[in-house]
Amino acid sequence: MTELPEHVPMDRLGVLIAAYEYEIGTCFRCSLRRVQVTRLGEIASNEGETPLYAYRECVQELLTMHERSMERMNTRPRIVQLPRTPRGVGAN
């Protein structure tokens, strides 16, 4: 796990956010550049897959949305860290 330079609350959501591995990059959601991002998933098409990286605050918003959705369905959210594939590995 990469250390975060900013204070991260140690409540349940803060612990989830801190569990992700971070690197410097661009957020797919808010387009901030040269910030700490983590890989959330990918978009798949016939041409291949495009990884999605998100800024810590955007991750927090997405996790909060997910938890609220699960509460409405009376289901506990299942958060999973995706396996890391360094950028450029496997690229043609």
PDB file of N, CA and C in Angstrom:
ATOM      1  N   MET A   1       0.837  -1.172   0.000  1.00  0.00           N
ATOM      2  CA  MET A   1       0.000   0.000   0.000  1.00  0.00           C
ATOM      3  C   MET A   1       0.884   1.238   0.000  1.00  0.00           C
ATOM      4  N   THR A   2       0.558   2.202  -0.831  1.00  0.00           N
ATOM      5  CA  THR A   2       1.280   3.457  -0.898  1.00  0.00           C
ATOM      6  C   THR A   2       0.740   4.389   0.179  1.00  0.00           C
ATOM      7  N   GLU A   3       1.626   5.075   0.901  1.00  0.00           N
ATOM      8  CA  GLU A   3       1.172   6.002   1.924  1.00  0.00           C
ATOM      9  C   GLU A   3       0.519   7.210   1.284  1.00  0.00           C
ATOM     10  N   LEU A   4      -0.555   7.680   1.924  1.00  0.00           N
ATOM     11  CA  LEU A   4      -1.242   8.877   1.458  1.00  0.00           C
ATOM     12  C   LEU A   4      -0.647  10.099   2.147  1.00  0.00           C
ATOM     13  N   PRO A   5      -0.411  11.181   1.427  1.00  0.00           N
ATOM     14  CA  PRO A   5       0.169  12.365   2.048  1.00  0.00           C
ATOM     15  C   PRO A   5      -0.847  13.131   2.885  1.00  0.00           C
ATOM     16  N   GLU A   6      -2.126  12.951   2.616  1.00  0.00           N
ATOM     17  CA  GLU A   6      -3.167  13.686   3.311  1.00  0.00           C
ATOM     18  C   GLU A   6      -3.745  12.828   4.428  1.00  0.00           C
ATOM     19  N   HIS A   7      -4.363  13.507   5.398  1.00  0.00           N
ATOM     20  CA  HIS A   7      -5.013  12.795   6.504  1.00  0.00           C
ATOM     21  C   HIS A   7      -6.195  11.998   5.953  1.00  0.00           C
ATOM     22  N   VAL A   8      -6.272  10.737   6.329  1.00  0.00           N
ATOM     23  CA  VAL A   8      -7.389   9.883   5.939  1.00  0.00           C
ATOM     24  C   VAL A   8      -8.100   9.472   7.217  1.00  0.00           C
ATOM     25  N   PRO A   9      -9.427   9.750   7.325  1.00  0.00           N
ATOM     26  CA  PRO A   9     -10.165   9.339   8.513  1.00  0.00           C
ATOM     27  C   PRO A   9     -10.062   7.828   8.699  1.00  0.00           C
ATOM     28  N   MET A  10     -10.051   7.379   9.934  1.00  0.00           N
ATOM     29  CA  MET A  10      -9.923   5.954  10.197  1.00  0.00           C
ATOM     30  C   MET A  10     -11.268   5.296  10.500  1.00  0.00           C
ATOM     31  N   ASP A  11     -12.368   5.906  10.024  1.00  0.00           N
ATOM     32  CA  ASP A  11     -13.654   5.242  10.111  1.00  0.00           C
ATOM     33  C   ASP A  11     -13.687   4.148   9.042  1.00  0.00           C
ATOM     34  N   ARG A  12     -14.771   3.416   8.926  1.00  0.00           N
ATOM     35  CA  ARG A  12     -14.849   2.302   7.975  1.00  0.00           C
ATOM     36  C   ARG A  12     -14.507   2.741   6.551  1.00  0.00           C
ATOM     37  N   LEU A  13     -15.068   3.862   6.099  1.00  0.00           N
ATOM     38  CA  LEU A  13     -14.820   4.339   4.745  1.00  0.00           C
ATOM     39  C   LEU A  13     -13.363   4.757   4.570  1.00  0.00           C
ATOM     40  N   GLY A  14     -12.794   5.434   5.571  1.00  0.00           N
ATOM     41  CA  GLY A  14     -11.395   5.848   5.496  1.00  0.00           C
ATOM     42  C   GLY A  14     -10.455   4.665   5.404  1.00  0.00           C
ATOM     43  N   VAL A  15     -10.763   3.605   6.140  1.00  0.00           N
ATOM     44  CA  VAL A  15      -9.942   2.394   6.093  1.00  0.00           C
ATOM     45  C   VAL A  15     -10.019   1.766   4.708  1.00  0.00           C
ATOM     46  N   LEU A  16     -11.208   1.738   4.112  1.00  0.00           N
ATOM     47  CA  LEU A  16     -11.346   1.193   2.753  1.00  0.00           C
ATOM     48  C   LEU A  16     -10.526   1.998   1.752  1.00  0.00           C
ATOM     49  N   ILE A  17     -10.602   3.319   1.851  1.00  0.00           N
ATOM     50  CA  ILE A  17      -9.867   4.182   0.923  1.00  0.00           C
ATOM     51  C   ILE A  17      -8.365   3.986   1.082  1.00  0.00           C
ATOM     52  N   ALA A  18      -7.902   3.874   2.320  1.00  0.00           N
ATOM     53  CA  ALA A  18      -6.473   3.704   2.576  1.00  0.00           C
ATOM     54  C   ALA A  18      -5.966   2.341   2.114  1.00  0.00           C
ATOM     55  N   ALA A  19      -6.850   1.367   1.949  1.00  0.00           N
ATOM     56  CA  ALA A  19      -6.439   0.015   1.557  1.00  0.00           C
ATOM     57  C   ALA A  19      -6.043  -0.081   0.085  1.00  0.00           C
ATOM     58  N   TYR A  20      -6.448   0.871  -0.722  1.00  0.00           N
ATOM     59  CA  TYR A  20      -6.114   0.831  -2.146  1.00  0.00           C
ATOM     60  C   TYR A  20      -4.642   1.173  -2.368  1.00  0.00           C
ATOM     61  N   GLU A  21      -4.088   0.694  -3.455  1.00  0.00           N
ATOM     62  CA  GLU A  21      -2.726   1.048  -3.856  1.00  0.00           C
ATOM     63  C   GLU A  21      -2.811   2.258  -4.774  1.00  0.00           C
ATOM     64  N   TYR A  22      -1.977   3.247  -4.509  1.00  0.00           N
ATOM     65  CA  TYR A  22      -2.036   4.499  -5.252  1.00  0.00           C
ATOM     66  C   TYR A  22      -0.775   4.725  -6.074  1.00  0.00           C
ATOM     67  N   GLU A  23      -0.935   5.464  -7.142  1.00  0.00           N
ATOM     68  CA  GLU A  23       0.172   5.920  -7.985  1.00  0.00           C
ATOM     69  C   GLU A  23      -0.215   7.280  -8.531  1.00  0.00           C
ATOM     70  N   ILE A  24       0.730   7.982  -9.091  1.00  0.00           N
ATOM     71  CA  ILE A  24       0.454   9.298  -9.659  1.00  0.00           C
ATOM     72  C   ILE A  24      -0.128   9.111 -11.061  1.00  0.00           C
ATOM     73  N   GLY A  25      -1.228   9.807 -11.327  1.00  0.00           N
ATOM     74  CA  GLY A  25      -1.877   9.681 -12.631  1.00  0.00           C
ATOM     75  C   GLY A  25      -3.007  10.681 -12.773  1.00  0.00           C
ATOM     76  N   THR A  26      -3.957  10.354 -13.669  1.00  0.00           N
ATOM     77  CA  THR A  26      -5.099  11.207 -13.977  1.00  0.00           C
ATOM     78  C   THR A  26      -6.386  10.485 -13.595  1.00  0.00           C
ATOM     79  N   CYS A  27      -7.309  11.206 -12.974  1.00  0.00           N
ATOM     80  CA  CYS A  27      -8.590  10.639 -12.557  1.00  0.00           C
ATOM     81  C   CYS A  27      -9.553  10.608 -13.744  1.00  0.00           C
ATOM     82  N   PHE A  28     -10.166   9.448 -13.988  1.00  0.00           N
ATOM     83  CA  PHE A  28     -11.124   9.329 -15.084  1.00  0.00           C
ATOM     84  C   PHE A  28     -12.400  10.116 -14.781  1.00  0.00           C
ATOM     85  N   ARG A  29     -12.700  10.324 -13.515  1.00  0.00           N
ATOM     86  CA  ARG A  29     -13.970  10.922 -13.122  1.00  0.00           C
ATOM     87  C   ARG A  29     -13.921  12.445 -13.129  1.00  0.00           C
ATOM     88  N   CYS A  30     -12.863  13.039 -12.560  1.00  0.00           N
ATOM     89  CA  CYS A  30     -12.807  14.506 -12.449  1.00  0.00           C
ATOM     90  C   CYS A  30     -11.699  15.116 -13.306  1.00  0.00           C
ATOM     91  N   SER A  31     -10.909  14.276 -13.965  1.00  0.00           N
ATOM     92  CA  SER A  31      -9.838  14.703 -14.881  1.00  0.00           C
ATOM     93  C   SER A  31      -8.676  15.420 -14.212  1.00  0.00           C
ATOM     94  N   LEU A  32      -8.568  15.369 -12.865  1.00  0.00           N
ATOM     95  CA  LEU A  32      -7.389  15.937 -12.213  1.00  0.00           C
ATOM     96  C   LEU A  32      -6.157  15.166 -12.666  1.00  0.00           C
ATOM     97  N   ARG A  33      -5.081  15.892 -12.915  1.00  0.00           N
ATOM     98  CA  ARG A  33      -3.838  15.277 -13.380  1.00  0.00           C
ATOM     99  C   ARG A  33      -2.773  15.346 -12.303  1.00  0.00           C
ATOM    100  N   ARG A  34      -1.840  14.402 -12.366  1.00  0.00           N
ATOM    101  CA  ARG A  34      -0.707  14.342 -11.436  1.00  0.00           C
ATOM    102  C   ARG A  34      -1.165  14.322  -9.974  1.00  0.00           C
ATOM    103  N   VAL A  35      -2.155  13.463  -9.704  1.00  0.00           N
ATOM    104  CA  VAL A  35      -2.654  13.249  -8.346  1.00  0.00           C
ATOM    105  C   VAL A  35      -2.576  11.761  -8.041  1.00  0.00           C
ATOM    106  N   GLN A  36      -2.732  11.395  -6.768  1.00  0.00           N
ATOM    107  CA  GLN A  36      -2.714   9.983  -6.411  1.00  0.00           C
ATOM    108  C   GLN A  36      -4.026   9.343  -6.842  1.00  0.00           C
ATOM    109  N   VAL A  37      -3.908   8.314  -7.692  1.00  0.00           N
ATOM    110  CA  VAL A  37      -5.072   7.598  -8.204  1.00  0.00           C
ATOM    111  C   VAL A  37      -4.903   6.108  -7.923  1.00  0.00           C
ATOM    112  N   THR A  38      -6.022   5.398  -7.941  1.00  0.00           N
ATOM    113  CA  THR A  38      -6.014   3.953  -7.797  1.00  0.00           C
ATOM    114  C   THR A  38      -6.868   3.356  -8.903  1.00  0.00           C
ATOM    115  N   ARG A  39      -6.535   2.163  -9.299  1.00  0.00           N
ATOM    116  CA  ARG A  39      -7.280   1.503 -10.360  1.00  0.00           C
ATOM    117  C   ARG A  39      -8.593   0.959  -9.797  1.00  0.00           C
ATOM    118  N   LEU A  40      -9.705   1.348 -10.421  1.00  0.00           N
ATOM    119  CA  LEU A  40     -11.029   0.912  -9.976  1.00  0.00           C
ATOM    120  C   LEU A  40     -11.607  -0.180 -10.848  1.00  0.00           C
ATOM    121  N   GLY A  41     -11.182  -0.257 -12.066  1.00  0.00           N
ATOM    122  CA  GLY A  41     -11.747  -1.243 -12.988  1.00  0.00           C
ATOM    123  C   GLY A  41     -11.309  -0.908 -14.393  1.00  0.00           C
ATOM    124  N   GLU A  42     -12.101  -1.345 -15.350  1.00  0.00           N
ATOM    125  CA  GLU A  42     -11.770  -1.059 -16.741  1.00  0.00           C
ATOM    126  C   GLU A  42     -13.037  -1.005 -17.575  1.00  0.00           C
ATOM    127  N   ILE A  43     -12.891  -0.399 -18.746  1.00  0.00           N
ATOM    128  CA  ILE A  43     -13.938  -0.398 -19.756  1.00  0.00           C
ATOM    129  C   ILE A  43     -13.468  -1.356 -20.835  1.00  0.00           C
ATOM    130  N   ALA A  44     -14.296  -2.335 -21.164  1.00  0.00           N
ATOM    131  CA  ALA A  44     -13.924  -3.331 -22.175  1.00  0.00           C
ATOM    132  C   ALA A  44     -14.698  -3.061 -23.468  1.00  0.00           C
ATOM    133  N   SER A  45     -13.998  -3.203 -24.584  1.00  0.00           N
ATOM    134  CA  SER A  45     -14.621  -3.067 -25.905  1.00  0.00           C
ATOM    135  C   SER A  45     -13.984  -4.092 -26.832  1.00  0.00           C
ATOM    136  N   ASN A  46     -14.412  -4.113 -28.073  1.00  0.00           N
ATOM    137  CA  ASN A  46     -13.830  -5.027 -29.060  1.00  0.00           C
ATOM    138  C   ASN A  46     -12.345  -4.748 -29.280  1.00  0.00           C
ATOM    139  N   GLU A  47     -11.923  -3.503 -29.050  1.00  0.00           N
ATOM    140  CA  GLU A  47     -10.524  -3.115 -29.258  1.00  0.00           C
ATOM    141  C   GLU A  47      -9.635  -3.466 -28.076  1.00  0.00           C
ATOM    142  N   GLY A  48     -10.220  -3.808 -26.948  1.00  0.00           N
ATOM    143  CA  GLY A  48      -9.425  -4.136 -25.771  1.00  0.00           C
ATOM    144  C   GLY A  48     -10.016  -3.516 -24.522  1.00  0.00           C
ATOM    145  N   GLU A  49      -9.178  -3.384 -23.494  1.00  0.00           N
ATOM    146  CA  GLU A  49      -9.612  -2.824 -22.220  1.00  0.00           C
ATOM    147  C   GLU A  49      -8.866  -1.529 -21.928  1.00  0.00           C
ATOM    148  N   THR A  50      -9.581  -0.593 -21.320  1.00  0.00           N
ATOM    149  CA  THR A  50      -8.988   0.655 -20.873  1.00  0.00           C
ATOM    150  C   THR A  50      -9.131   0.717 -19.361  1.00  0.00           C
ATOM    151  N   PRO A  51      -8.018   0.743 -18.608  1.00  0.00           N
ATOM    152  CA  PRO A  51      -8.122   0.805 -17.147  1.00  0.00           C
ATOM    153  C   PRO A  51      -8.659   2.155 -16.686  1.00  0.00           C
ATOM    154  N   LEU A  52      -9.421   2.137 -15.599  1.00  0.00           N
ATOM    155  CA  LEU A  52      -9.972   3.353 -15.019  1.00  0.00           C
ATOM    156  C   LEU A  52      -9.272   3.628 -13.689  1.00  0.00           C
ATOM    157  N   TYR A  53      -8.668   4.795 -13.573  1.00  0.00           N
ATOM    158  CA  TYR A  53      -7.990   5.222 -12.359  1.00  0.00           C
ATOM    159  C   TYR A  53      -8.755   6.408 -11.779  1.00  0.00           C
ATOM    160  N   ALA A  54      -8.913   6.443 -10.435  1.00  0.00           N
ATOM    161  CA  ALA A  54      -9.660   7.526  -9.803  1.00  0.00           C
ATOM    162  C   ALA A  54      -8.877   8.128  -8.638  1.00  0.00           C
ATOM    163  N   TYR A  55      -9.061   9.422  -8.465  1.00  0.00           N
ATOM    164  CA  TYR A  55      -8.481  10.219  -7.382  1.00  0.00           C
ATOM    165  C   TYR A  55      -9.129   9.805  -6.062  1.00  0.00           C
ATOM    166  N   ARG A  56      -8.395   9.931  -4.975  1.00  0.00           N
ATOM    167  CA  ARG A  56      -8.866   9.487  -3.663  1.00  0.00           C
ATOM    168  C   ARG A  56     -10.244  10.051  -3.306  1.00  0.00           C
ATOM    169  N   GLU A  57     -10.477  11.330  -3.523  1.00  0.00           N
ATOM    170  CA  GLU A  57     -11.775  11.919  -3.178  1.00  0.00           C
ATOM    171  C   GLU A  57     -12.891  11.370  -4.055  1.00  0.00           C
ATOM    172  N   CYS A  58     -12.592  11.084  -5.317  1.00  0.00           N
ATOM    173  CA  CYS A  58     -13.593  10.485  -6.189  1.00  0.00           C
ATOM    174  C   CYS A  58     -13.890   9.048  -5.764  1.00  0.00           C
ATOM    175  N   VAL A  59     -12.851   8.325  -5.321  1.00  0.00           N
ATOM    176  CA  VAL A  59     -13.046   6.975  -4.792  1.00  0.00           C
ATOM    177  C   VAL A  59     -13.988   7.044  -3.595  1.00  0.00           C
ATOM    178  N   GLN A  60     -13.771   8.025  -2.718  1.00  0.00           N
ATOM    179  CA  GLN A  60     -14.614   8.174  -1.541  1.00  0.00           C
ATOM    180  C   GLN A  60     -16.067   8.417  -1.952  1.00  0.00           C
ATOM    181  N   GLU A  61     -16.295   9.297  -2.923  1.00  0.00           N
ATOM    182  CA  GLU A  61     -17.663   9.570  -3.382  1.00  0.00           C
ATOM    183  C   GLU A  61     -18.303   8.318  -3.987  1.00  0.00           C
ATOM    184  N   LEU A  62     -17.541   7.581  -4.798  1.00  0.00           N
ATOM    185  CA  LEU A  62     -18.075   6.367  -5.415  1.00  0.00           C
ATOM    186  C   LEU A  62     -18.391   5.300  -4.371  1.00  0.00           C
ATOM    187  N   LEU A  63     -17.517   5.129  -3.368  1.00  0.00           N
ATOM    188  CA  LEU A  63     -17.779   4.158  -2.304  1.00  0.00           C
ATOM    189  C   LEU A  63     -19.003   4.549  -1.484  1.00  0.00           C
ATOM    190  N   THR A  64     -19.164   5.849  -1.210  1.00  0.00           N
ATOM    191  CA  THR A  64     -20.328   6.321  -0.465  1.00  0.00           C
ATOM    192  C   THR A  64     -21.606   6.053  -1.254  1.00  0.00           C
ATOM    193  N   MET A  65     -21.584   6.329  -2.557  1.00  0.00           N
ATOM    194  CA  MET A  65     -22.748   6.040  -3.410  1.00  0.00           C
ATOM    195  C   MET A  65     -23.065   4.552  -3.380  1.00  0.00           C
ATOM    196  N   HIS A  66     -22.037   3.730  -3.448  1.00  0.00           N
ATOM    197  CA  HIS A  66     -22.211   2.282  -3.446  1.00  0.00           C
ATOM    198  C   HIS A  66     -22.824   1.824  -2.116  1.00  0.00           C
ATOM    199  N   GLU A  67     -22.291   2.315  -1.002  1.00  0.00           N
ATOM    200  CA  GLU A  67     -22.809   1.915   0.303  1.00  0.00           C
ATOM    201  C   GLU A  67     -24.260   2.335   0.479  1.00  0.00           C
ATOM    202  N   ARG A  68     -24.611   3.539   0.042  1.00  0.00           N
ATOM    203  CA  ARG A  68     -26.010   3.999   0.140  1.00  0.00           C
ATOM    204  C   ARG A  68     -26.926   3.121  -0.696  1.00  0.00           C
ATOM    205  N   SER A  69     -26.466   2.737  -1.867  1.00  0.00           N
ATOM    206  CA  SER A  69     -27.252   1.844  -2.723  1.00  0.00           C
ATOM    207  C   SER A  69     -27.467   0.498  -2.042  1.00  0.00           C
ATOM    208  N   MET A  70     -26.407  -0.032  -1.427  1.00  0.00           N
ATOM    209  CA  MET A  70     -26.521  -1.321  -0.740  1.00  0.00           C
ATOM    210  C   MET A  70     -27.449  -1.225   0.470  1.00  0.00           C
ATOM    211  N   GLU A  71     -27.422  -0.079   1.167  1.00  0.00           N
ATOM    212  CA  GLU A  71     -28.318   0.107   2.316  1.00  0.00           C
ATOM    213  C   GLU A  71     -29.775   0.067   1.866  1.00  0.00           C
ATOM    214  N   ARG A  72     -30.072   0.695   0.724  1.00  0.00           N
ATOM    215  CA  ARG A  72     -31.445   0.685   0.217  1.00  0.00           C
ATOM    216  C   ARG A  72     -31.895  -0.725  -0.131  1.00  0.00           C
ATOM    217  N   MET A  73     -30.945  -1.564  -0.557  1.00  0.00           N
ATOM    218  CA  MET A  73     -31.272  -2.954  -0.915  1.00  0.00           C
ATOM    219  C   MET A  73     -31.080  -3.888   0.274  1.00  0.00           C
ATOM    220  N   ASN A  74     -30.705  -3.311   1.443  1.00  0.00           N
ATOM    221  CA  ASN A  74     -30.470  -4.090   2.662  1.00  0.00           C
ATOM    222  C   ASN A  74     -29.404  -5.169   2.444  1.00  0.00           C
ATOM    223  N   THR A  75     -28.324  -4.803   1.757  1.00  0.00           N
ATOM    224  CA  THR A  75     -27.209  -5.701   1.465  1.00  0.00           C
ATOM    225  C   THR A  75     -25.913  -5.041   1.909  1.00  0.00           C
ATOM    226  N   ARG A  76     -25.005  -5.815   2.442  1.00  0.00           N
ATOM    227  CA  ARG A  76     -23.705  -5.272   2.842  1.00  0.00           C
ATOM    228  C   ARG A  76     -22.802  -5.182   1.609  1.00  0.00           C
ATOM    229  N   PRO A  77     -22.168  -4.010   1.372  1.00  0.00           N
ATOM    230  CA  PRO A  77     -21.298  -3.876   0.201  1.00  0.00           C
ATOM    231  C   PRO A  77     -20.065  -4.764   0.291  1.00  0.00           C
ATOM    232  N   ARG A  78     -19.625  -5.236  -0.843  1.00  0.00           N
ATOM    233  CA  ARG A  78     -18.414  -6.054  -0.930  1.00  0.00           C
ATOM    234  C   ARG A  78     -17.394  -5.267  -1.742  1.00  0.00           C
ATOM    235  N   ILE A  79     -16.370  -4.767  -1.075  1.00  0.00           N
ATOM    236  CA  ILE A  79     -15.334  -3.962  -1.717  1.00  0.00           C
ATOM    237  C   ILE A  79     -14.112  -4.851  -1.940  1.00  0.00           C
ATOM    238  N   VAL A  80     -13.612  -4.877  -3.172  1.00  0.00           N
ATOM    239  CA  VAL A  80     -12.479  -5.737  -3.516  1.00  0.00           C
ATOM    240  C   VAL A  80     -11.418  -4.903  -4.216  1.00  0.00           C
ATOM    241  N   GLN A  81     -10.167  -5.054  -3.805  1.00  0.00           N
ATOM    242  CA  GLN A  81      -9.061  -4.389  -4.499  1.00  0.00           C
ATOM    243  C   GLN A  81      -8.730  -5.199  -5.744  1.00  0.00           C
ATOM    244  N   LEU A  82      -8.717  -4.539  -6.892  1.00  0.00           N
ATOM    245  CA  LEU A  82      -8.377  -5.213  -8.142  1.00  0.00           C
ATOM    246  C   LEU A  82      -6.895  -5.526  -8.185  1.00  0.00           C
ATOM    247  N   PRO A  83      -6.511  -6.607  -8.863  1.00  0.00           N
ATOM    248  CA  PRO A  83      -5.082  -6.912  -8.994  1.00  0.00           C
ATOM    249  C   PRO A  83      -4.376  -5.791  -9.758  1.00  0.00           C
ATOM    250  N   ARG A  84      -3.155  -5.509  -9.354  1.00  0.00           N
ATOM    251  CA  ARG A  84      -2.399  -4.423  -9.982  1.00  0.00           C
ATOM    252  C   ARG A  84      -1.675  -4.928 -11.222  1.00  0.00           C
ATOM    253  N   THR A  85      -1.820  -4.194 -12.297  1.00  0.00           N
ATOM    254  CA  THR A  85      -1.047  -4.427 -13.497  1.00  0.00           C
ATOM    255  C   THR A  85      -0.342  -3.112 -13.792  1.00  0.00           C
ATOM    256  N   PRO A  86       0.980  -3.053 -13.625  1.00  0.00           N
ATOM    257  CA  PRO A  86       1.694  -1.798 -13.869  1.00  0.00           C
ATOM    258  C   PRO A  86       1.381  -1.263 -15.264  1.00  0.00           C
ATOM    259  N   ARG A  87       1.277   0.030 -15.360  1.00  0.00           N
ATOM    260  CA  ARG A  87       0.982   0.663 -16.645  1.00  0.00           C
ATOM    261  C   ARG A  87       2.045   0.285 -17.660  1.00  0.00           C
ATOM    262  N   GLY A  88       1.595  -0.033 -18.855  1.00  0.00           N
ATOM    263  CA  GLY A  88       2.521  -0.388 -19.922  1.00  0.00           C
ATOM    264  C   GLY A  88       2.773  -1.872 -20.025  1.00  0.00           C
ATOM    265  N   VAL A  89       2.460  -2.643 -18.981  1.00  0.00           N
ATOM    266  CA  VAL A  89       2.637  -4.100 -19.031  1.00  0.00           C
ATOM    267  C   VAL A  89       1.496  -4.686 -19.832  1.00  0.00           C
ATOM    268  N   GLY A  90       1.815  -5.496 -20.801  1.00  0.00           N
ATOM    269  CA  GLY A  90       0.794  -6.117 -21.625  1.00  0.00           C
ATOM    270  C   GLY A  90       0.321  -5.241 -22.770  1.00  0.00           C
ATOM    271  N   ALA A  91       0.795  -4.004 -22.833  1.00  0.00           N
ATOM    272  CA  ALA A  91       0.425  -3.122 -23.931  1.00  0.00           C
ATOM    273  C   ALA A  91       1.192  -3.514 -25.182  1.00  0.00           C
ATOM    274  N   ASN A  92       0.531  -3.362 -26.305  1.00  0.00           N
ATOM    275  CA  ASN A  92       1.171  -3.688 -27.597  1.00  0.00           C
ATOM    276  C   ASN A  92       1.971  -2.533 -28.122  1.00  0.00           C
TER     277      ASN A  92
END
